[in-house]
Amino acid sequence: MRVLLHAHVDTESGNEAIRNGKMPELMKSVMEQLKPEAAYFFPSMGRRSCIFVFDMPDPSQLPVVSEKFFMELGAEVEVVPVMNADDLKKGLQTLQSRQG
């Protein structure tokens, strides 16, 4: 299933990860692990934030994916299922065919 992971990094934890050089290593590791179709990095709500859109075939991967952000960056993490335009079109066609 395609999901969106949105992480808001704790400011002090993020500062420390930048100072000690762990931030680039962590982001590289996340990119290699997730192989996202999209990744964006930006300030949000006054904190460093990032969004990754990737395929999560098994929900048991959720701890593996999110714990790096929790443990190493003190981040608040949200993971939600998402659709692209083709997925939405297919879903709406299925809905329409069931209604009538």
PDB file of N, CA and C in Angstrom:
ATOM      1  N   MET A   1       0.841  -1.166   0.000  1.00  0.00           N
ATOM      2  CA  MET A   1       0.000   0.000   0.000  1.00  0.00           C
ATOM      3  C   MET A   1       0.896   1.242   0.000  1.00  0.00           C
ATOM      4  N   ARG A   2       0.507   2.222  -0.798  1.00  0.00           N
ATOM      5  CA  ARG A   2       1.236   3.489  -0.836  1.00  0.00           C
ATOM      6  C   ARG A   2       0.885   4.267   0.435  1.00  0.00           C
ATOM      7  N   VAL A   3       1.907   4.756   1.128  1.00  0.00           N
ATOM      8  CA  VAL A   3       1.696   5.537   2.339  1.00  0.00           C
ATOM      9  C   VAL A   3       2.528   6.808   2.292  1.00  0.00           C
ATOM     10  N   LEU A   4       2.111   7.760   3.096  1.00  0.00           N
ATOM     11  CA  LEU A   4       2.839   9.002   3.283  1.00  0.00           C
ATOM     12  C   LEU A   4       3.303   9.047   4.728  1.00  0.00           C
ATOM     13  N   LEU A   5       4.591   9.216   4.918  1.00  0.00           N
ATOM     14  CA  LEU A   5       5.144   9.391   6.256  1.00  0.00           C
ATOM     15  C   LEU A   5       5.512  10.857   6.393  1.00  0.00           C
ATOM     16  N   HIS A   6       4.970  11.502   7.422  1.00  0.00           N
ATOM     17  CA  HIS A   6       5.257  12.915   7.697  1.00  0.00           C
ATOM     18  C   HIS A   6       5.892  12.972   9.075  1.00  0.00           C
ATOM     19  N   ALA A   7       7.129  13.456   9.137  1.00  0.00           N
ATOM     20  CA  ALA A   7       7.841  13.544  10.411  1.00  0.00           C
ATOM     21  C   ALA A   7       8.166  14.995  10.729  1.00  0.00           C
ATOM     22  N   HIS A   8       7.862  15.404  11.962  1.00  0.00           N
ATOM     23  CA  HIS A   8       8.259  16.706  12.490  1.00  0.00           C
ATOM     24  C   HIS A   8       9.383  16.429  13.485  1.00  0.00           C
ATOM     25  N   VAL A   9      10.572  16.922  13.189  1.00  0.00           N
ATOM     26  CA  VAL A   9      11.760  16.638  13.995  1.00  0.00           C
ATOM     27  C   VAL A   9      11.830  17.577  15.191  1.00  0.00           C
ATOM     28  N   ASP A  10      12.106  17.017  16.369  1.00  0.00           N
ATOM     29  CA  ASP A  10      12.351  17.816  17.558  1.00  0.00           C
ATOM     30  C   ASP A  10      13.541  18.737  17.293  1.00  0.00           C
ATOM     31  N   THR A  11      13.411  20.010  17.615  1.00  0.00           N
ATOM     32  CA  THR A  11      14.452  20.982  17.283  1.00  0.00           C
ATOM     33  C   THR A  11      15.792  20.637  17.910  1.00  0.00           C
ATOM     34  N   GLU A  12      15.826  20.363  19.199  1.00  0.00           N
ATOM     35  CA  GLU A  12      17.106  20.063  19.863  1.00  0.00           C
ATOM     36  C   GLU A  12      17.725  18.773  19.336  1.00  0.00           C
ATOM     37  N   SER A  13      16.912  17.744  19.133  1.00  0.00           N
ATOM     38  CA  SER A  13      17.427  16.484  18.579  1.00  0.00           C
ATOM     39  C   SER A  13      17.945  16.687  17.164  1.00  0.00           C
ATOM     40  N   GLY A  14      17.243  17.494  16.376  1.00  0.00           N
ATOM     41  CA  GLY A  14      17.681  17.803  15.021  1.00  0.00           C
ATOM     42  C   GLY A  14      18.977  18.597  15.017  1.00  0.00           C
ATOM     43  N   ASN A  15      19.080  19.578  15.924  1.00  0.00           N
ATOM     44  CA  ASN A  15      20.311  20.354  16.034  1.00  0.00           C
ATOM     45  C   ASN A  15      21.493  19.447  16.344  1.00  0.00           C
ATOM     46  N   GLU A  16      21.304  18.557  17.288  1.00  0.00           N
ATOM     47  CA  GLU A  16      22.381  17.641  17.678  1.00  0.00           C
ATOM     48  C   GLU A  16      22.756  16.718  16.522  1.00  0.00           C
ATOM     49  N   ALA A  17      21.764  16.204  15.796  1.00  0.00           N
ATOM     50  CA  ALA A  17      22.039  15.314  14.658  1.00  0.00           C
ATOM     51  C   ALA A  17      22.803  16.042  13.554  1.00  0.00           C
ATOM     52  N   ILE A  18      22.554  17.322  13.407  1.00  0.00           N
ATOM     53  CA  ILE A  18      23.299  18.109  12.419  1.00  0.00           C
ATOM     54  C   ILE A  18      24.719  18.371  12.923  1.00  0.00           C
ATOM     55  N   ARG A  19      24.835  18.769  14.200  1.00  0.00           N
ATOM     56  CA  ARG A  19      26.167  19.057  14.773  1.00  0.00           C
ATOM     57  C   ARG A  19      27.095  17.854  14.715  1.00  0.00           C
ATOM     58  N   ASN A  20      26.562  16.669  15.058  1.00  0.00           N
ATOM     59  CA  ASN A  20      27.435  15.491  15.125  1.00  0.00           C
ATOM     60  C   ASN A  20      27.500  14.714  13.805  1.00  0.00           C
ATOM     61  N   GLY A  21      26.857  15.238  12.764  1.00  0.00           N
ATOM     62  CA  GLY A  21      26.955  14.628  11.443  1.00  0.00           C
ATOM     63  C   GLY A  21      26.045  13.441  11.202  1.00  0.00           C
ATOM     64  N   LYS A  22      25.123  13.158  12.117  1.00  0.00           N
ATOM     65  CA  LYS A  22      24.233  12.000  11.954  1.00  0.00           C
ATOM     66  C   LYS A  22      23.041  12.256  11.027  1.00  0.00           C
ATOM     67  N   MET A  23      22.666  13.511  10.844  1.00  0.00           N
ATOM     68  CA  MET A  23      21.485  13.806  10.026  1.00  0.00           C
ATOM     69  C   MET A  23      21.659  13.308   8.588  1.00  0.00           C
ATOM     70  N   PRO A  24      22.761  13.619   7.906  1.00  0.00           N
ATOM     71  CA  PRO A  24      22.901  13.114   6.535  1.00  0.00           C
ATOM     72  C   PRO A  24      22.909  11.587   6.477  1.00  0.00           C
ATOM     73  N   GLU A  25      23.552  10.952   7.444  1.00  0.00           N
ATOM     74  CA  GLU A  25      23.581   9.483   7.490  1.00  0.00           C
ATOM     75  C   GLU A  25      22.175   8.919   7.679  1.00  0.00           C
ATOM     76  N   LEU A  26      21.420   9.522   8.578  1.00  0.00           N
ATOM     77  CA  LEU A  26      20.061   9.050   8.853  1.00  0.00           C
ATOM     78  C   LEU A  26      19.172   9.202   7.626  1.00  0.00           C
ATOM     79  N   MET A  27      19.224  10.361   6.973  1.00  0.00           N
ATOM     80  CA  MET A  27      18.385  10.577   5.794  1.00  0.00           C
ATOM     81  C   MET A  27      18.787   9.646   4.655  1.00  0.00           C
ATOM     82  N   LYS A  28      20.075   9.411   4.489  1.00  0.00           N
ATOM     83  CA  LYS A  28      20.531   8.465   3.465  1.00  0.00           C
ATOM     84  C   LYS A  28      20.009   7.063   3.770  1.00  0.00           C
ATOM     85  N   SER A  29      20.080   6.664   5.020  1.00  0.00           N
ATOM     86  CA  SER A  29      19.598   5.348   5.436  1.00  0.00           C
ATOM     87  C   SER A  29      18.092   5.212   5.185  1.00  0.00           C
ATOM     88  N   VAL A  30      17.339   6.243   5.523  1.00  0.00           N
ATOM     89  CA  VAL A  30      15.884   6.230   5.306  1.00  0.00           C
ATOM     90  C   VAL A  30      15.578   6.122   3.815  1.00  0.00           C
ATOM     91  N   MET A  31      16.280   6.903   3.001  1.00  0.00           N
ATOM     92  CA  MET A  31      16.052   6.869   1.553  1.00  0.00           C
ATOM     93  C   MET A  31      16.365   5.483   0.981  1.00  0.00           C
ATOM     94  N   GLU A  32      17.444   4.880   1.435  1.00  0.00           N
ATOM     95  CA  GLU A  32      17.803   3.544   0.951  1.00  0.00           C
ATOM     96  C   GLU A  32      16.791   2.500   1.398  1.00  0.00           C
ATOM     97  N   GLN A  33      16.297   2.633   2.612  1.00  0.00           N
ATOM     98  CA  GLN A  33      15.329   1.672   3.150  1.00  0.00           C
ATOM     99  C   GLN A  33      13.970   1.799   2.483  1.00  0.00           C
ATOM    100  N   LEU A  34      13.463   3.016   2.360  1.00  0.00           N
ATOM    101  CA  LEU A  34      12.108   3.222   1.857  1.00  0.00           C
ATOM    102  C   LEU A  34      12.012   3.214   0.341  1.00  0.00           C
ATOM    103  N   LYS A  35      13.071   3.643  -0.317  1.00  0.00           N
ATOM    104  CA  LYS A  35      13.037   3.808  -1.774  1.00  0.00           C
ATOM    105  C   LYS A  35      11.774   4.586  -2.170  1.00  0.00           C
ATOM    106  N   PRO A  36      11.633   5.797  -1.631  1.00  0.00           N
ATOM    107  CA  PRO A  36      10.389   6.549  -1.851  1.00  0.00           C
ATOM    108  C   PRO A  36      10.217   7.004  -3.294  1.00  0.00           C
ATOM    109  N   GLU A  37       8.952   7.099  -3.705  1.00  0.00           N
ATOM    110  CA  GLU A  37       8.662   7.675  -5.022  1.00  0.00           C
ATOM    111  C   GLU A  37       8.765   9.192  -4.951  1.00  0.00           C
ATOM    112  N   ALA A  38       8.671   9.743  -3.735  1.00  0.00           N
ATOM    113  CA  ALA A  38       8.842  11.180  -3.524  1.00  0.00           C
ATOM    114  C   ALA A  38       9.349  11.411  -2.102  1.00  0.00           C
ATOM    115  N   ALA A  39      10.195  12.418  -1.948  1.00  0.00           N
ATOM    116  CA  ALA A  39      10.702  12.823  -0.633  1.00  0.00           C
ATOM    117  C   ALA A  39      10.872  14.335  -0.643  1.00  0.00           C
ATOM    118  N   TYR A  40      10.361  14.983   0.405  1.00  0.00           N
ATOM    119  CA  TYR A  40      10.444  16.435   0.508  1.00  0.00           C
ATOM    120  C   TYR A  40      10.875  16.810   1.914  1.00  0.00           C
ATOM    121  N   PHE A  41      11.647  17.888   2.021  1.00  0.00           N
ATOM    122  CA  PHE A  41      12.188  18.361   3.289  1.00  0.00           C
ATOM    123  C   PHE A  41      11.879  19.850   3.389  1.00  0.00           C
ATOM    124  N   PHE A  42      11.303  20.280   4.543  1.00  0.00           N
ATOM    125  CA  PHE A  42      10.790  21.649   4.637  1.00  0.00           C
ATOM    126  C   PHE A  42      10.531  22.008   6.096  1.00  0.00           C
ATOM    127  N   PRO A  43      10.453  23.307   6.394  1.00  0.00           N
ATOM    128  CA  PRO A  43      10.035  23.711   7.735  1.00  0.00           C
ATOM    129  C   PRO A  43       8.508  23.664   7.830  1.00  0.00           C
ATOM    130  N   SER A  44       8.005  23.166   8.955  1.00  0.00           N
ATOM    131  CA  SER A  44       6.564  23.120   9.182  1.00  0.00           C
ATOM    132  C   SER A  44       6.315  23.239  10.683  1.00  0.00           C
ATOM    133  N   MET A  45       5.376  24.083  11.048  1.00  0.00           N
ATOM    134  CA  MET A  45       5.045  24.286  12.455  1.00  0.00           C
ATOM    135  C   MET A  45       6.311  24.636  13.259  1.00  0.00           C
ATOM    136  N   GLY A  46       7.215  25.366  12.634  1.00  0.00           N
ATOM    137  CA  GLY A  46       8.422  25.813  13.318  1.00  0.00           C
ATOM    138  C   GLY A  46       9.488  24.751  13.516  1.00  0.00           C
ATOM    139  N   ARG A  47       9.339  23.600  12.850  1.00  0.00           N
ATOM    140  CA  ARG A  47      10.310  22.521  13.016  1.00  0.00           C
ATOM    141  C   ARG A  47      10.739  21.968  11.669  1.00  0.00           C
ATOM    142  N   ARG A  48      11.905  21.345  11.665  1.00  0.00           N
ATOM    143  CA  ARG A  48      12.342  20.623  10.465  1.00  0.00           C
ATOM    144  C   ARG A  48      11.340  19.490  10.223  1.00  0.00           C
ATOM    145  N   SER A  49      10.954  19.332   8.979  1.00  0.00           N
ATOM    146  CA  SER A  49       9.964  18.304   8.659  1.00  0.00           C
ATOM    147  C   SER A  49      10.330  17.623   7.355  1.00  0.00           C
ATOM    148  N   CYS A  50       9.781  16.442   7.168  1.00  0.00           N
ATOM    149  CA  CYS A  50       9.992  15.722   5.918  1.00  0.00           C
ATOM    150  C   CYS A  50       8.772  14.873   5.624  1.00  0.00           C
ATOM    151  N   ILE A  51       8.595  14.620   4.339  1.00  0.00           N
ATOM    152  CA  ILE A  51       7.524  13.739   3.864  1.00  0.00           C
ATOM    153  C   ILE A  51       8.149  12.740   2.910  1.00  0.00           C
ATOM    154  N   PHE A  52       7.773  11.486   3.088  1.00  0.00           N
ATOM    155  CA  PHE A  52       8.181  10.422   2.183  1.00  0.00           C
ATOM    156  C   PHE A  52       6.929   9.713   1.717  1.00  0.00           C
ATOM    157  N   VAL A  53       6.822   9.467   0.424  1.00  0.00           N
ATOM    158  CA  VAL A  53       5.732   8.667  -0.144  1.00  0.00           C
ATOM    159  C   VAL A  53       6.379   7.390  -0.664  1.00  0.00           C
ATOM    160  N   PHE A  54       5.907   6.247  -0.165  1.00  0.00           N
ATOM    161  CA  PHE A  54       6.545   4.978  -0.505  1.00  0.00           C
ATOM    162  C   PHE A  54       5.553   3.841  -0.374  1.00  0.00           C
ATOM    163  N   ASP A  55       5.941   2.679  -0.866  1.00  0.00           N
ATOM    164  CA  ASP A  55       5.112   1.481  -0.778  1.00  0.00           C
ATOM    165  C   ASP A  55       5.441   0.725   0.497  1.00  0.00           C
ATOM    166  N   MET A  56       4.408   0.423   1.287  1.00  0.00           N
ATOM    167  CA  MET A  56       4.561  -0.390   2.491  1.00  0.00           C
ATOM    168  C   MET A  56       3.703  -1.643   2.302  1.00  0.00           C
ATOM    169  N   PRO A  57       4.310  -2.722   1.781  1.00  0.00           N
ATOM    170  CA  PRO A  57       3.519  -3.914   1.480  1.00  0.00           C
ATOM    171  C   PRO A  57       2.976  -4.626   2.718  1.00  0.00           C
ATOM    172  N   ASP A  58       3.612  -4.422   3.866  1.00  0.00           N
ATOM    173  CA  ASP A  58       3.195  -5.134   5.077  1.00  0.00           C
ATOM    174  C   ASP A  58       3.185  -4.154   6.244  1.00  0.00           C
ATOM    175  N   PRO A  59       2.057  -4.028   6.962  1.00  0.00           N
ATOM    176  CA  PRO A  59       1.976  -3.084   8.075  1.00  0.00           C
ATOM    177  C   PRO A  59       2.990  -3.369   9.188  1.00  0.00           C
ATOM    178  N   SER A  60       3.523  -4.583   9.233  1.00  0.00           N
ATOM    179  CA  SER A  60       4.515  -4.895  10.272  1.00  0.00           C
ATOM    180  C   SER A  60       5.808  -4.108  10.064  1.00  0.00           C
ATOM    181  N   GLN A  61       5.949  -3.445   8.919  1.00  0.00           N
ATOM    182  CA  GLN A  61       7.114  -2.603   8.663  1.00  0.00           C
ATOM    183  C   GLN A  61       7.025  -1.257   9.372  1.00  0.00           C
ATOM    184  N   LEU A  62       5.865  -0.915   9.886  1.00  0.00           N
ATOM    185  CA  LEU A  62       5.672   0.399  10.499  1.00  0.00           C
ATOM    186  C   LEU A  62       6.676   0.691  11.618  1.00  0.00           C
ATOM    187  N   PRO A  63       6.906  -0.214  12.561  1.00  0.00           N
ATOM    188  CA  PRO A  63       7.910   0.093  13.593  1.00  0.00           C
ATOM    189  C   PRO A  63       9.313   0.290  13.012  1.00  0.00           C
ATOM    190  N   VAL A  64       9.684  -0.519  12.049  1.00  0.00           N
ATOM    191  CA  VAL A  64      11.015  -0.413  11.446  1.00  0.00           C
ATOM    192  C   VAL A  64      11.187   0.948  10.785  1.00  0.00           C
ATOM    193  N   VAL A  65      10.147   1.408  10.122  1.00  0.00           N
ATOM    194  CA  VAL A  65      10.196   2.674   9.401  1.00  0.00           C
ATOM    195  C   VAL A  65      10.175   3.860  10.365  1.00  0.00           C
ATOM    196  N   SER A  66       9.311   3.836  11.340  1.00  0.00           N
ATOM    197  CA  SER A  66       9.100   5.017  12.181  1.00  0.00           C
ATOM    198  C   SER A  66      10.068   5.143  13.353  1.00  0.00           C
ATOM    199  N   GLU A  67      10.605   4.051  13.856  1.00  0.00           N
ATOM    200  CA  GLU A  67      11.442   4.129  15.056  1.00  0.00           C
ATOM    201  C   GLU A  67      12.703   4.959  14.872  1.00  0.00           C
ATOM    202  N   LYS A  68      13.273   4.981  13.667  1.00  0.00           N
ATOM    203  CA  LYS A  68      14.454   5.828  13.441  1.00  0.00           C
ATOM    204  C   LYS A  68      14.117   7.292  13.745  1.00  0.00           C
ATOM    205  N   PHE A  69      12.954   7.724  13.317  1.00  0.00           N
ATOM    206  CA  PHE A  69      12.553   9.108  13.552  1.00  0.00           C
ATOM    207  C   PHE A  69      12.260   9.361  15.029  1.00  0.00           C
ATOM    208  N   PHE A  70      11.587   8.417  15.680  1.00  0.00           N
ATOM    209  CA  PHE A  70      11.286   8.568  17.107  1.00  0.00           C
ATOM    210  C   PHE A  70      12.568   8.570  17.940  1.00  0.00           C
ATOM    211  N   MET A  71      13.382   7.544  17.750  1.00  0.00           N
ATOM    212  CA  MET A  71      14.527   7.329  18.633  1.00  0.00           C
ATOM    213  C   MET A  71      15.695   8.275  18.359  1.00  0.00           C
ATOM    214  N   GLU A  72      15.961   8.563  17.090  1.00  0.00           N
ATOM    215  CA  GLU A  72      17.145   9.346  16.774  1.00  0.00           C
ATOM    216  C   GLU A  72      16.869  10.840  16.617  1.00  0.00           C
ATOM    217  N   LEU A  73      15.618  11.205  16.354  1.00  0.00           N
ATOM    218  CA  LEU A  73      15.311  12.614  16.129  1.00  0.00           C
ATOM    219  C   LEU A  73      14.202  13.149  17.029  1.00  0.00           C
ATOM    220  N   GLY A  74      13.669  12.317  17.918  1.00  0.00           N
ATOM    221  CA  GLY A  74      12.589  12.770  18.786  1.00  0.00           C
ATOM    222  C   GLY A  74      11.407  13.318  18.002  1.00  0.00           C
ATOM    223  N   ALA A  75      11.157  12.743  16.835  1.00  0.00           N
ATOM    224  CA  ALA A  75      10.156  13.280  15.914  1.00  0.00           C
ATOM    225  C   ALA A  75       8.739  12.839  16.270  1.00  0.00           C
ATOM    226  N   GLU A  76       7.790  13.665  15.871  1.00  0.00           N
ATOM    227  CA  GLU A  76       6.392  13.264  15.827  1.00  0.00           C
ATOM    228  C   GLU A  76       6.179  12.705  14.430  1.00  0.00           C
ATOM    229  N   VAL A  77       5.598  11.515  14.340  1.00  0.00           N
ATOM    230  CA  VAL A  77       5.480  10.821  13.058  1.00  0.00           C
ATOM    231  C   VAL A  77       4.027  10.471  12.795  1.00  0.00           C
ATOM    232  N   GLU A  78       3.615  10.736  11.568  1.00  0.00           N
ATOM    233  CA  GLU A  78       2.281  10.362  11.112  1.00  0.00           C
ATOM    234  C   GLU A  78       2.451   9.548   9.830  1.00  0.00           C
ATOM    235  N   VAL A  79       1.775   8.413   9.753  1.00  0.00           N
ATOM    236  CA  VAL A  79       1.804   7.584   8.550  1.00  0.00           C
ATOM    237  C   VAL A  79       0.358   7.350   8.128  1.00  0.00           C
ATOM    238  N   VAL A  80       0.056   7.709   6.880  1.00  0.00           N
ATOM    239  CA  VAL A  80      -1.317   7.570   6.390  1.00  0.00           C
ATOM    240  C   VAL A  80      -1.313   6.951   4.996  1.00  0.00           C
ATOM    241  N   PRO A  81      -2.338   6.133   4.690  1.00  0.00           N
ATOM    242  CA  PRO A  81      -2.447   5.615   3.326  1.00  0.00           C
ATOM    243  C   PRO A  81      -2.811   6.750   2.393  1.00  0.00           C
ATOM    244  N   VAL A  82      -2.241   6.717   1.185  1.00  0.00           N
ATOM    245  CA  VAL A  82      -2.526   7.751   0.186  1.00  0.00           C
ATOM    246  C   VAL A  82      -2.732   7.118  -1.180  1.00  0.00           C
ATOM    247  N   MET A  83      -3.359   7.900  -2.093  1.00  0.00           N
ATOM    248  CA  MET A  83      -3.593   7.444  -3.459  1.00  0.00           C
ATOM    249  C   MET A  83      -2.992   8.452  -4.415  1.00  0.00           C
ATOM    250  N   ASN A  84      -2.596   7.962  -5.580  1.00  0.00           N
ATOM    251  CA  ASN A  84      -2.265   8.883  -6.662  1.00  0.00           C
ATOM    252  C   ASN A  84      -3.524   9.032  -7.522  1.00  0.00           C
ATOM    253  N   ALA A  85      -3.447   9.806  -8.599  1.00  0.00           N
ATOM    254  CA  ALA A  85      -4.631  10.068  -9.428  1.00  0.00           C
ATOM    255  C   ALA A  85      -5.194   8.791 -10.045  1.00  0.00           C
ATOM    256  N   ASP A  86      -4.317   7.873 -10.457  1.00  0.00           N
ATOM    257  CA  ASP A  86      -4.792   6.608 -11.041  1.00  0.00           C
ATOM    258  C   ASP A  86      -5.533   5.767 -10.007  1.00  0.00           C
ATOM    259  N   ASP A  87      -5.016   5.730  -8.783  1.00  0.00           N
ATOM    260  CA  ASP A  87      -5.687   4.985  -7.703  1.00  0.00           C
ATOM    261  C   ASP A  87      -7.072   5.566  -7.433  1.00  0.00           C
ATOM    262  N   LEU A  88      -7.151   6.885  -7.375  1.00  0.00           N
ATOM    263  CA  LEU A  88      -8.436   7.542  -7.116  1.00  0.00           C
ATOM    264  C   LEU A  88      -9.430   7.237  -8.228  1.00  0.00           C
ATOM    265  N   LYS A  89      -8.985   7.319  -9.457  1.00  0.00           N
ATOM    266  CA  LYS A  89      -9.860   7.026 -10.603  1.00  0.00           C
ATOM    267  C   LYS A  89     -10.404   5.606 -10.509  1.00  0.00           C
ATOM    268  N   LYS A  90      -9.537   4.653 -10.231  1.00  0.00           N
ATOM    269  CA  LYS A  90      -9.958   3.251 -10.111  1.00  0.00           C
ATOM    270  C   LYS A  90     -10.955   3.082  -8.963  1.00  0.00           C
ATOM    271  N   GLY A  91     -10.658   3.710  -7.829  1.00  0.00           N
ATOM    272  CA  GLY A  91     -11.558   3.618  -6.677  1.00  0.00           C
ATOM    273  C   GLY A  91     -12.922   4.213  -6.959  1.00  0.00           C
ATOM    274  N   LEU A  92     -12.948   5.358  -7.622  1.00  0.00           N
ATOM    275  CA  LEU A  92     -14.224   6.002  -7.945  1.00  0.00           C
ATOM    276  C   LEU A  92     -15.016   5.200  -8.967  1.00  0.00           C
ATOM    277  N   GLN A  93     -14.312   4.578  -9.917  1.00  0.00           N
ATOM    278  CA  GLN A  93     -15.007   3.725 -10.890  1.00  0.00           C
ATOM    279  C   GLN A  93     -15.624   2.517 -10.190  1.00  0.00           C
ATOM    280  N   THR A  94     -14.895   1.930  -9.265  1.00  0.00           N
ATOM    281  CA  THR A  94     -15.423   0.791  -8.505  1.00  0.00           C
ATOM    282  C   THR A  94     -16.638   1.217  -7.696  1.00  0.00           C
ATOM    283  N   LEU A  95     -16.547   2.356  -7.049  1.00  0.00           N
ATOM    284  CA  LEU A  95     -17.659   2.879  -6.259  1.00  0.00           C
ATOM    285  C   LEU A  95     -18.873   3.120  -7.145  1.00  0.00           C
ATOM    286  N   GLN A  96     -18.652   3.730  -8.276  1.00  0.00           N
ATOM    287  CA  GLN A  96     -19.762   4.037  -9.188  1.00  0.00           C
ATOM    288  C   GLN A  96     -20.417   2.754  -9.687  1.00  0.00           C
ATOM    289  N   SER A  97     -19.652   1.741 -10.030  1.00  0.00           N
ATOM    290  CA  SER A  97     -20.223   0.487 -10.547  1.00  0.00           C
ATOM    291  C   SER A  97     -21.037  -0.228  -9.467  1.00  0.00           C
ATOM    292  N   ARG A  98     -20.702  -0.059  -8.220  1.00  0.00           N
ATOM    293  CA  ARG A  98     -21.444  -0.709  -7.125  1.00  0.00           C
ATOM    294  C   ARG A  98     -22.735   0.017  -6.812  1.00  0.00           C
ATOM    295  N   GLN A  99     -22.793   1.278  -7.157  1.00  0.00           N
ATOM    296  CA  GLN A  99     -23.994   2.067  -6.854  1.00  0.00           C
ATOM    297  C   GLN A  99     -25.038   1.959  -7.957  1.00  0.00           C
ATOM    298  N   GLY A 100     -24.606   1.426  -9.055  1.00  0.00           N
ATOM    299  CA  GLY A 100     -25.652   1.318  -9.936  1.00  0.00           C
ATOM    300  C   GLY A 100     -25.744   1.201 -11.317  1.00  0.00           C
TER     301      GLY A 100
END
